[in-house]
Amino acid sequence: MKGVVFTEFMEMVEAKFGEEMVDDLIEATNPESGAAYTAVGTYNYIELINMVQELSKRADIPVPKLINTFGRHLASVFTSKFPSFFEEEGNTTALLKRIDNHIHVEVAKLYPDAELPKFSYEESASGEFHLYYSSTRGLADLAEGLIQAVAEYYQESFELQRQDSEQDGVQHSHFVLTAV
């Protein structure tokens, strides 16, 4: 997993729980990398999962909620660092349609060794937007937080439903967005 994810996680933890919590998480999880994360480095995603699980214990917040909150945090970082992606599209579903064929293409240029989740979509005749997520890392809660924050960015309201499954070590999530 790219270091930018780790550095942003540490920034979120420091902002929400304090610098001491960051130190406590590093000490408790003793990451193989030594937690000397750089934005361009690559690290084992298990280090992040271990820190999220430890934070969950210490803050008494369920892991899925923490991962979702981190997804929301990442969305705010992305909107400020990469405003052109958001300005070009103009609404939530337009942006979500371009994750794999535009946004992830640009990410791969910056980070050629990045292991990115896969996204695809369908639009139904009834107006529902179906987004499909697949990843070996199983971070659908992060994807959900990103989706929710993107909708908030565009000031749009959706009912969001999600169905998860797993096959051969790959998490598949089906998100259904219905405008309200």
N, C-alpha and C. Protein backbone atom coordinates (compact mmCIF):
# COMPACT_ATOMS: atom_id res chain seq x y z
N MET A 1 0.86 -1.16 0.00
CA MET A 1 0.00 0.00 0.00
C MET A 1 0.91 1.22 0.00
N LYS A 2 0.49 2.24 -0.76
CA LYS A 2 1.31 3.43 -0.88
C LYS A 2 1.34 4.22 0.43
N GLY A 3 2.51 4.80 0.66
CA GLY A 3 2.75 5.52 1.88
C GLY A 3 1.83 6.69 2.13
N VAL A 4 1.32 7.29 1.06
CA VAL A 4 0.42 8.42 1.24
C VAL A 4 -0.79 8.01 2.07
N VAL A 5 -1.23 6.77 1.95
CA VAL A 5 -2.36 6.30 2.75
C VAL A 5 -1.95 6.27 4.23
N PHE A 6 -0.74 5.81 4.50
CA PHE A 6 -0.26 5.75 5.88
C PHE A 6 -0.05 7.15 6.46
N THR A 7 0.56 8.03 5.67
CA THR A 7 0.81 9.38 6.20
C THR A 7 -0.50 10.10 6.48
N GLU A 8 -1.48 9.90 5.61
CA GLU A 8 -2.78 10.54 5.84
C GLU A 8 -3.50 9.92 7.03
N PHE A 9 -3.34 8.62 7.22
CA PHE A 9 -3.95 7.99 8.39
C PHE A 9 -3.35 8.57 9.67
N MET A 10 -2.04 8.71 9.69
CA MET A 10 -1.37 9.27 10.87
C MET A 10 -1.82 10.72 11.12
N GLU A 11 -1.98 11.48 10.05
CA GLU A 11 -2.45 12.86 10.20
C GLU A 11 -3.86 12.90 10.76
N MET A 12 -4.72 11.99 10.28
CA MET A 12 -6.09 11.95 10.78
C MET A 12 -6.10 11.57 12.27
N VAL A 13 -5.32 10.57 12.63
CA VAL A 13 -5.28 10.14 14.04
C VAL A 13 -4.78 11.29 14.91
N GLU A 14 -3.72 11.96 14.47
CA GLU A 14 -3.20 13.08 15.26
C GLU A 14 -4.24 14.18 15.41
N ALA A 15 -4.94 14.50 14.33
CA ALA A 15 -5.94 15.58 14.37
C ALA A 15 -7.12 15.22 15.27
N LYS A 16 -7.55 13.97 15.23
CA LYS A 16 -8.76 13.58 15.97
C LYS A 16 -8.47 13.06 17.39
N PHE A 17 -7.29 12.47 17.59
CA PHE A 17 -7.02 11.82 18.87
C PHE A 17 -5.74 12.31 19.56
N GLY A 18 -4.93 13.10 18.85
CA GLY A 18 -3.73 13.66 19.43
C GLY A 18 -2.47 12.91 19.05
N GLU A 19 -1.35 13.63 19.17
CA GLU A 19 -0.04 13.09 18.82
C GLU A 19 0.33 11.89 19.69
N GLU A 20 -0.07 11.93 20.94
CA GLU A 20 0.24 10.82 21.84
C GLU A 20 -0.39 9.51 21.36
N MET A 21 -1.59 9.59 20.79
CA MET A 21 -2.25 8.40 20.27
C MET A 21 -1.45 7.81 19.12
N VAL A 22 -0.91 8.66 18.25
CA VAL A 22 -0.08 8.17 17.14
C VAL A 22 1.09 7.38 17.71
N ASP A 23 1.78 7.96 18.69
CA ASP A 23 2.91 7.28 19.32
C ASP A 23 2.49 5.97 19.96
N ASP A 24 1.34 5.97 20.63
CA ASP A 24 0.84 4.76 21.28
C ASP A 24 0.54 3.66 20.27
N LEU A 25 -0.05 4.04 19.13
CA LEU A 25 -0.37 3.05 18.10
C LEU A 25 0.90 2.42 17.53
N ILE A 26 1.89 3.25 17.28
CA ILE A 26 3.15 2.75 16.74
C ILE A 26 3.82 1.81 17.74
N GLU A 27 3.85 2.23 19.00
CA GLU A 27 4.46 1.40 20.04
C GLU A 27 3.72 0.07 20.21
N ALA A 28 2.40 0.12 20.21
CA ALA A 28 1.60 -1.08 20.45
C ALA A 28 1.65 -2.06 19.28
N THR A 29 1.72 -1.55 18.05
CA THR A 29 1.68 -2.43 16.88
C THR A 29 3.07 -2.79 16.35
N ASN A 30 4.08 -2.02 16.73
CA ASN A 30 5.46 -2.29 16.33
C ASN A 30 5.56 -2.67 14.85
N PRO A 31 5.18 -1.76 13.94
CA PRO A 31 5.16 -2.09 12.52
C PRO A 31 6.55 -2.46 11.99
N GLU A 32 6.57 -3.41 11.09
CA GLU A 32 7.82 -3.91 10.48
C GLU A 32 8.62 -2.76 9.87
N SER A 33 7.94 -1.78 9.30
CA SER A 33 8.61 -0.65 8.65
C SER A 33 9.20 0.33 9.66
N GLY A 34 8.83 0.19 10.92
CA GLY A 34 9.26 1.15 11.93
C GLY A 34 8.42 2.41 11.91
N ALA A 35 7.39 2.42 11.09
CA ALA A 35 6.47 3.55 10.96
C ALA A 35 7.15 4.80 10.43
N ALA A 36 8.23 4.63 9.70
CA ALA A 36 8.90 5.76 9.07
C ALA A 36 8.31 5.93 7.67
N TYR A 37 7.03 6.29 7.62
CA TYR A 37 6.28 6.34 6.37
C TYR A 37 6.59 7.60 5.57
N THR A 38 6.75 7.41 4.28
CA THR A 38 6.86 8.53 3.35
C THR A 38 5.73 8.37 2.34
N ALA A 39 5.29 9.46 1.77
CA ALA A 39 4.15 9.42 0.85
C ALA A 39 4.42 8.54 -0.36
N VAL A 40 5.66 8.45 -0.81
CA VAL A 40 5.96 7.69 -2.02
C VAL A 40 6.43 6.26 -1.74
N GLY A 41 6.61 5.92 -0.46
CA GLY A 41 7.02 4.56 -0.12
C GLY A 41 5.89 3.57 -0.30
N THR A 42 6.23 2.29 -0.20
CA THR A 42 5.24 1.22 -0.26
C THR A 42 5.40 0.38 1.00
N TYR A 43 4.27 0.07 1.64
CA TYR A 43 4.29 -0.62 2.92
C TYR A 43 3.22 -1.70 2.93
N ASN A 44 3.40 -2.66 3.80
CA ASN A 44 2.43 -3.74 3.95
C ASN A 44 1.15 -3.18 4.56
N TYR A 45 0.03 -3.37 3.88
CA TYR A 45 -1.24 -2.80 4.35
C TYR A 45 -1.65 -3.37 5.71
N ILE A 46 -1.09 -4.52 6.09
CA ILE A 46 -1.40 -5.10 7.41
C ILE A 46 -0.97 -4.15 8.52
N GLU A 47 0.07 -3.36 8.29
CA GLU A 47 0.49 -2.38 9.29
C GLU A 47 -0.64 -1.39 9.57
N LEU A 48 -1.32 -0.96 8.52
CA LEU A 48 -2.44 -0.03 8.68
C LEU A 48 -3.59 -0.72 9.41
N ILE A 49 -3.90 -1.92 9.00
CA ILE A 49 -4.99 -2.67 9.64
C ILE A 49 -4.69 -2.86 11.13
N ASN A 50 -3.46 -3.21 11.46
CA ASN A 50 -3.09 -3.38 12.87
C ASN A 50 -3.28 -2.09 13.67
N MET A 51 -2.91 -0.97 13.07
CA MET A 51 -3.08 0.31 13.77
C MET A 51 -4.55 0.67 13.92
N VAL A 52 -5.35 0.39 12.90
CA VAL A 52 -6.80 0.66 12.99
C VAL A 52 -7.41 -0.20 14.10
N GLN A 53 -7.02 -1.46 14.15
CA GLN A 53 -7.56 -2.35 15.20
C GLN A 53 -7.15 -1.88 16.59
N GLU A 54 -5.92 -1.43 16.72
CA GLU A 54 -5.46 -0.91 18.02
C GLU A 54 -6.18 0.38 18.38
N LEU A 55 -6.37 1.25 17.40
CA LEU A 55 -7.10 2.49 17.64
C LEU A 55 -8.54 2.17 18.05
N SER A 56 -9.12 1.18 17.43
CA SER A 56 -10.48 0.77 17.77
C SER A 56 -10.57 0.39 19.25
N LYS A 57 -9.62 -0.37 19.73
CA LYS A 57 -9.60 -0.78 21.14
C LYS A 57 -9.45 0.43 22.06
N ARG A 58 -8.51 1.29 21.72
CA ARG A 58 -8.20 2.43 22.59
C ARG A 58 -9.29 3.50 22.58
N ALA A 59 -9.92 3.71 21.43
CA ALA A 59 -10.93 4.76 21.32
C ALA A 59 -12.34 4.23 21.47
N ASP A 60 -12.48 2.91 21.57
CA ASP A 60 -13.79 2.26 21.69
C ASP A 60 -14.72 2.65 20.54
N ILE A 61 -14.15 2.58 19.34
CA ILE A 61 -14.89 2.86 18.11
C ILE A 61 -14.74 1.63 17.22
N PRO A 62 -15.81 1.10 16.67
CA PRO A 62 -15.71 -0.09 15.83
C PRO A 62 -14.79 0.13 14.61
N VAL A 63 -14.06 -0.91 14.24
CA VAL A 63 -13.13 -0.84 13.11
C VAL A 63 -13.82 -0.33 11.84
N PRO A 64 -14.99 -0.86 11.46
CA PRO A 64 -15.62 -0.35 10.24
C PRO A 64 -15.88 1.16 10.27
N LYS A 65 -16.28 1.67 11.42
CA LYS A 65 -16.54 3.11 11.55
C LYS A 65 -15.23 3.91 11.40
N LEU A 66 -14.15 3.40 11.98
CA LEU A 66 -12.86 4.09 11.84
C LEU A 66 -12.39 4.10 10.39
N ILE A 67 -12.54 2.98 9.70
CA ILE A 67 -12.12 2.91 8.31
C ILE A 67 -12.99 3.82 7.44
N ASN A 68 -14.28 3.86 7.72
CA ASN A 68 -15.18 4.76 7.00
C ASN A 68 -14.76 6.22 7.24
N THR A 69 -14.46 6.55 8.48
CA THR A 69 -14.03 7.91 8.83
C THR A 69 -12.74 8.25 8.09
N PHE A 70 -11.85 7.27 7.98
CA PHE A 70 -10.61 7.50 7.24
C PHE A 70 -10.91 7.73 5.76
N GLY A 71 -11.87 7.02 5.20
CA GLY A 71 -12.27 7.25 3.81
C GLY A 71 -12.77 8.67 3.61
N ARG A 72 -13.54 9.15 4.57
CA ARG A 72 -14.04 10.54 4.51
C ARG A 72 -12.87 11.53 4.59
N HIS A 73 -11.92 11.22 5.46
CA HIS A 73 -10.73 12.07 5.58
C HIS A 73 -9.97 12.10 4.26
N LEU A 74 -9.76 10.94 3.66
CA LEU A 74 -9.05 10.88 2.38
C LEU A 74 -9.75 11.70 1.31
N ALA A 75 -11.07 11.64 1.29
CA ALA A 75 -11.82 12.42 0.30
C ALA A 75 -11.55 13.91 0.47
N SER A 76 -11.50 14.37 1.71
CA SER A 76 -11.23 15.81 1.91
C SER A 76 -9.82 16.16 1.48
N VAL A 77 -8.88 15.25 1.68
CA VAL A 77 -7.51 15.47 1.22
C VAL A 77 -7.48 15.51 -0.31
N PHE A 78 -8.17 14.57 -0.94
CA PHE A 78 -8.18 14.50 -2.40
C PHE A 78 -8.83 15.75 -3.01
N THR A 79 -9.91 16.23 -2.40
CA THR A 79 -10.58 17.41 -2.96
C THR A 79 -9.69 18.65 -2.87
N SER A 80 -8.85 18.70 -1.84
CA SER A 80 -7.97 19.87 -1.74
C SER A 80 -6.70 19.71 -2.56
N LYS A 81 -6.17 18.49 -2.68
CA LYS A 81 -4.92 18.28 -3.43
C LYS A 81 -5.15 18.11 -4.93
N PHE A 82 -6.30 17.59 -5.30
CA PHE A 82 -6.58 17.30 -6.70
C PHE A 82 -7.93 17.89 -7.11
N PRO A 83 -8.11 19.19 -6.96
CA PRO A 83 -9.43 19.78 -7.23
C PRO A 83 -9.90 19.60 -8.67
N SER A 84 -8.97 19.49 -9.60
CA SER A 84 -9.39 19.39 -11.01
C SER A 84 -10.21 18.12 -11.26
N PHE A 85 -9.89 17.01 -10.58
CA PHE A 85 -10.69 15.79 -10.75
C PHE A 85 -12.14 16.04 -10.37
N PHE A 86 -12.34 16.79 -9.32
CA PHE A 86 -13.68 17.03 -8.80
C PHE A 86 -14.41 18.11 -9.61
N GLU A 87 -13.69 19.13 -10.01
CA GLU A 87 -14.29 20.22 -10.77
C GLU A 87 -14.70 19.75 -12.16
N GLU A 88 -13.91 18.86 -12.77
CA GLU A 88 -14.20 18.37 -14.12
C GLU A 88 -15.53 17.63 -14.18
N GLU A 89 -15.83 16.89 -13.13
CA GLU A 89 -16.98 16.00 -13.18
C GLU A 89 -18.29 16.66 -12.79
N GLY A 90 -18.30 17.43 -11.73
CA GLY A 90 -19.48 18.19 -11.37
C GLY A 90 -20.53 17.49 -10.54
N ASN A 91 -20.47 16.17 -10.42
CA ASN A 91 -21.42 15.48 -9.54
C ASN A 91 -20.86 14.12 -9.13
N THR A 92 -21.49 13.54 -8.16
CA THR A 92 -21.00 12.30 -7.53
C THR A 92 -20.88 11.16 -8.53
N THR A 93 -21.96 10.84 -9.22
CA THR A 93 -21.92 9.67 -10.09
C THR A 93 -20.96 9.87 -11.26
N ALA A 94 -20.84 11.07 -11.78
CA ALA A 94 -19.89 11.33 -12.86
C ALA A 94 -18.47 11.05 -12.39
N LEU A 95 -18.15 11.45 -11.17
CA LEU A 95 -16.83 11.17 -10.63
C LEU A 95 -16.64 9.67 -10.42
N LEU A 96 -17.62 9.00 -9.83
CA LEU A 96 -17.50 7.57 -9.56
C LEU A 96 -17.33 6.76 -10.84
N LYS A 97 -17.93 7.21 -11.92
CA LYS A 97 -17.79 6.52 -13.21
C LYS A 97 -16.35 6.54 -13.71
N ARG A 98 -15.59 7.52 -13.28
CA ARG A 98 -14.24 7.71 -13.81
C ARG A 98 -13.13 7.20 -12.91
N ILE A 99 -13.49 6.50 -11.85
CA ILE A 99 -12.44 6.04 -10.94
C ILE A 99 -11.43 5.16 -11.66
N ASP A 100 -11.88 4.08 -12.28
CA ASP A 100 -10.94 3.14 -12.90
C ASP A 100 -10.31 3.68 -14.18
N ASN A 101 -11.09 4.30 -15.04
CA ASN A 101 -10.55 4.66 -16.35
C ASN A 101 -9.91 6.04 -16.42
N HIS A 102 -9.93 6.78 -15.33
CA HIS A 102 -9.30 8.10 -15.35
C HIS A 102 -8.48 8.34 -14.08
N ILE A 103 -9.12 8.32 -12.94
CA ILE A 103 -8.43 8.64 -11.69
C ILE A 103 -7.34 7.61 -11.39
N HIS A 104 -7.68 6.32 -11.45
CA HIS A 104 -6.68 5.30 -11.16
C HIS A 104 -5.58 5.25 -12.22
N VAL A 105 -5.89 5.65 -13.43
CA VAL A 105 -4.85 5.74 -14.47
C VAL A 105 -3.82 6.80 -14.07
N GLU A 106 -4.32 7.93 -13.57
CA GLU A 106 -3.41 8.99 -13.12
C GLU A 106 -2.62 8.57 -11.88
N VAL A 107 -3.28 7.87 -10.98
CA VAL A 107 -2.59 7.37 -9.78
C VAL A 107 -1.48 6.40 -10.18
N ALA A 108 -1.77 5.53 -11.14
CA ALA A 108 -0.77 4.55 -11.60
C ALA A 108 0.43 5.24 -12.25
N LYS A 109 0.22 6.40 -12.87
CA LYS A 109 1.35 7.16 -13.42
C LYS A 109 2.26 7.65 -12.31
N LEU A 110 1.65 8.12 -11.23
CA LEU A 110 2.44 8.62 -10.10
C LEU A 110 3.07 7.49 -9.30
N TYR A 111 2.33 6.39 -9.15
CA TYR A 111 2.75 5.26 -8.33
C TYR A 111 2.58 3.97 -9.14
N PRO A 112 3.52 3.66 -10.04
CA PRO A 112 3.36 2.50 -10.92
C PRO A 112 3.18 1.16 -10.20
N ASP A 113 3.69 1.05 -8.99
CA ASP A 113 3.58 -0.21 -8.26
C ASP A 113 2.36 -0.26 -7.33
N ALA A 114 1.49 0.73 -7.41
CA ALA A 114 0.31 0.76 -6.53
C ALA A 114 -0.66 -0.37 -6.89
N GLU A 115 -1.16 -1.04 -5.86
CA GLU A 115 -2.20 -2.06 -6.03
C GLU A 115 -3.53 -1.39 -5.76
N LEU A 116 -4.25 -1.08 -6.80
CA LEU A 116 -5.49 -0.32 -6.66
C LEU A 116 -6.70 -1.24 -6.69
N PRO A 117 -7.73 -0.90 -5.94
CA PRO A 117 -8.98 -1.68 -6.05
C PRO A 117 -9.58 -1.45 -7.43
N LYS A 118 -10.45 -2.34 -7.81
CA LYS A 118 -11.14 -2.24 -9.09
C LYS A 118 -12.56 -1.73 -8.86
N PHE A 119 -13.00 -0.85 -9.74
CA PHE A 119 -14.36 -0.32 -9.70
C PHE A 119 -15.00 -0.46 -11.07
N SER A 120 -16.27 -0.77 -11.08
CA SER A 120 -17.07 -0.71 -12.30
C SER A 120 -18.44 -0.21 -11.89
N TYR A 121 -19.28 0.10 -12.87
CA TYR A 121 -20.58 0.67 -12.54
C TYR A 121 -21.62 0.30 -13.57
N GLU A 122 -22.87 0.48 -13.17
CA GLU A 122 -24.03 0.36 -14.05
C GLU A 122 -25.04 1.40 -13.60
N GLU A 123 -25.81 1.87 -14.55
CA GLU A 123 -26.91 2.76 -14.22
C GLU A 123 -28.20 2.05 -14.60
N SER A 124 -29.14 2.04 -13.70
CA SER A 124 -30.40 1.36 -13.99
C SER A 124 -31.40 2.33 -14.60
N ALA A 125 -32.39 1.77 -15.26
CA ALA A 125 -33.45 2.58 -15.86
C ALA A 125 -34.23 3.34 -14.80
N SER A 126 -34.23 2.82 -13.57
CA SER A 126 -34.98 3.48 -12.49
C SER A 126 -34.19 4.62 -11.85
N GLY A 127 -32.97 4.85 -12.33
CA GLY A 127 -32.18 5.96 -11.81
C GLY A 127 -31.19 5.57 -10.73
N GLU A 128 -31.14 4.30 -10.37
CA GLU A 128 -30.15 3.86 -9.38
C GLU A 128 -28.78 3.78 -10.04
N PHE A 129 -27.77 4.11 -9.25
CA PHE A 129 -26.39 4.00 -9.71
C PHE A 129 -25.76 2.85 -8.93
N HIS A 130 -25.23 1.88 -9.66
CA HIS A 130 -24.62 0.69 -9.05
C HIS A 130 -23.11 0.79 -9.22
N LEU A 131 -22.39 0.77 -8.10
CA LEU A 131 -20.94 0.81 -8.12
C LEU A 131 -20.43 -0.51 -7.54
N TYR A 132 -19.50 -1.14 -8.27
CA TYR A 132 -18.95 -2.43 -7.85
C TYR A 132 -17.48 -2.24 -7.49
N TYR A 133 -17.14 -2.73 -6.31
CA TYR A 133 -15.78 -2.61 -5.77
C TYR A 133 -15.22 -4.01 -5.58
N SER A 134 -13.95 -4.21 -5.95
CA SER A 134 -13.27 -5.48 -5.73
C SER A 134 -11.85 -5.20 -5.25
N SER A 135 -11.44 -5.90 -4.19
CA SER A 135 -10.09 -5.71 -3.67
C SER A 135 -9.70 -6.88 -2.77
N THR A 136 -8.44 -7.22 -2.81
CA THR A 136 -7.93 -8.25 -1.90
C THR A 136 -7.74 -7.69 -0.49
N ARG A 137 -7.77 -6.38 -0.35
CA ARG A 137 -7.54 -5.75 0.95
C ARG A 137 -8.81 -5.61 1.78
N GLY A 138 -9.95 -5.73 1.17
CA GLY A 138 -11.21 -5.68 1.92
C GLY A 138 -11.46 -4.37 2.64
N LEU A 139 -11.28 -3.27 1.95
CA LEU A 139 -11.49 -1.96 2.57
C LEU A 139 -12.72 -1.26 2.01
N ALA A 140 -13.81 -2.02 1.90
CA ALA A 140 -15.05 -1.44 1.39
C ALA A 140 -15.56 -0.33 2.29
N ASP A 141 -15.27 -0.40 3.58
CA ASP A 141 -15.68 0.68 4.48
C ASP A 141 -14.98 1.99 4.10
N LEU A 142 -13.73 1.90 3.66
CA LEU A 142 -13.02 3.08 3.21
C LEU A 142 -13.67 3.62 1.93
N ALA A 143 -13.99 2.72 1.00
CA ALA A 143 -14.67 3.14 -0.23
C ALA A 143 -16.00 3.80 0.08
N GLU A 144 -16.73 3.24 1.04
CA GLU A 144 -18.02 3.82 1.41
C GLU A 144 -17.85 5.22 1.98
N GLY A 145 -16.84 5.40 2.83
CA GLY A 145 -16.56 6.73 3.37
C GLY A 145 -16.20 7.73 2.28
N LEU A 146 -15.42 7.28 1.31
CA LEU A 146 -15.09 8.15 0.17
C LEU A 146 -16.35 8.54 -0.61
N ILE A 147 -17.21 7.56 -0.88
CA ILE A 147 -18.45 7.83 -1.61
C ILE A 147 -19.30 8.85 -0.86
N GLN A 148 -19.47 8.64 0.43
CA GLN A 148 -20.29 9.55 1.24
C GLN A 148 -19.71 10.96 1.23
N ALA A 149 -18.40 11.06 1.37
CA ALA A 149 -17.77 12.39 1.40
C ALA A 149 -17.83 13.08 0.05
N VAL A 150 -17.73 12.31 -1.02
CA VAL A 150 -17.83 12.89 -2.37
C VAL A 150 -19.24 13.45 -2.57
N ALA A 151 -20.24 12.70 -2.15
CA ALA A 151 -21.62 13.20 -2.25
C ALA A 151 -21.79 14.49 -1.45
N GLU A 152 -21.20 14.55 -0.28
CA GLU A 152 -21.27 15.77 0.53
C GLU A 152 -20.54 16.92 -0.17
N TYR A 153 -19.42 16.63 -0.79
CA TYR A 153 -18.67 17.65 -1.52
C TYR A 153 -19.55 18.28 -2.60
N TYR A 154 -20.27 17.44 -3.32
CA TYR A 154 -21.15 17.94 -4.38
C TYR A 154 -22.51 18.39 -3.86
N GLN A 155 -22.71 18.31 -2.57
CA GLN A 155 -23.97 18.68 -1.92
C GLN A 155 -25.15 17.90 -2.51
N GLU A 156 -24.93 16.60 -2.64
CA GLU A 156 -25.96 15.70 -3.14
C GLU A 156 -26.34 14.71 -2.05
N SER A 157 -27.57 14.24 -2.09
CA SER A 157 -28.05 13.28 -1.10
C SER A 157 -28.42 11.98 -1.80
N PHE A 158 -27.91 10.89 -1.23
CA PHE A 158 -28.19 9.56 -1.75
C PHE A 158 -28.55 8.64 -0.60
N GLU A 159 -29.45 7.71 -0.89
CA GLU A 159 -29.59 6.55 -0.01
C GLU A 159 -28.53 5.59 -0.51
N LEU A 160 -27.70 5.11 0.39
CA LEU A 160 -26.59 4.23 0.01
C LEU A 160 -26.81 2.87 0.64
N GLN A 161 -26.89 1.87 -0.20
CA GLN A 161 -27.00 0.49 0.27
C GLN A 161 -25.75 -0.25 -0.18
N ARG A 162 -25.36 -1.25 0.60
CA ARG A 162 -24.15 -2.00 0.28
C ARG A 162 -24.35 -3.47 0.58
N GLN A 163 -23.87 -4.30 -0.32
CA GLN A 163 -23.90 -5.74 -0.12
C GLN A 163 -22.48 -6.25 -0.37
N ASP A 164 -21.95 -7.01 0.59
CA ASP A 164 -20.58 -7.53 0.50
C ASP A 164 -20.59 -9.03 0.27
N SER A 165 -19.57 -9.49 -0.42
CA SER A 165 -19.33 -10.92 -0.57
C SER A 165 -17.83 -11.12 -0.73
N GLU A 166 -17.39 -12.35 -0.63
CA GLU A 166 -15.98 -12.65 -0.82
C GLU A 166 -15.87 -13.90 -1.66
N GLN A 167 -14.90 -13.89 -2.57
CA GLN A 167 -14.65 -15.05 -3.41
C GLN A 167 -13.15 -15.12 -3.67
N ASP A 168 -12.57 -16.25 -3.33
CA ASP A 168 -11.15 -16.50 -3.57
C ASP A 168 -10.26 -15.40 -2.99
N GLY A 169 -10.58 -14.94 -1.78
CA GLY A 169 -9.77 -13.93 -1.11
C GLY A 169 -9.97 -12.51 -1.60
N VAL A 170 -10.96 -12.30 -2.45
CA VAL A 170 -11.25 -10.95 -2.97
C VAL A 170 -12.59 -10.50 -2.42
N GLN A 171 -12.60 -9.32 -1.81
CA GLN A 171 -13.85 -8.75 -1.32
C GLN A 171 -14.53 -8.04 -2.49
N HIS A 172 -15.81 -8.33 -2.64
CA HIS A 172 -16.63 -7.67 -3.65
C HIS A 172 -17.73 -6.93 -2.91
N SER A 173 -17.90 -5.67 -3.23
CA SER A 173 -18.97 -4.88 -2.62
C SER A 173 -19.77 -4.24 -3.73
N HIS A 174 -21.07 -4.28 -3.55
CA HIS A 174 -22.01 -3.69 -4.50
C HIS A 174 -22.69 -2.55 -3.77
N PHE A 175 -22.42 -1.34 -4.23
CA PHE A 175 -23.04 -0.14 -3.66
C PHE A 175 -24.16 0.29 -4.58
N VAL A 176 -25.30 0.63 -4.01
CA VAL A 176 -26.42 1.16 -4.77
C VAL A 176 -26.70 2.56 -4.24
N LEU A 177 -26.59 3.54 -5.12
CA LEU A 177 -26.87 4.93 -4.76
C LEU A 177 -28.18 5.34 -5.41
N THR A 178 -29.11 5.78 -4.58
CA THR A 178 -30.40 6.25 -5.06
C THR A 178 -30.57 7.69 -4.59
N ALA A 179 -30.75 8.60 -5.53
CA ALA A 179 -30.89 10.01 -5.18
C ALA A 179 -32.14 10.21 -4.33
N VAL A 180 -32.01 11.04 -3.30
CA VAL A 180 -33.17 11.36 -2.43
C VAL A 180 -33.42 12.86 -2.47
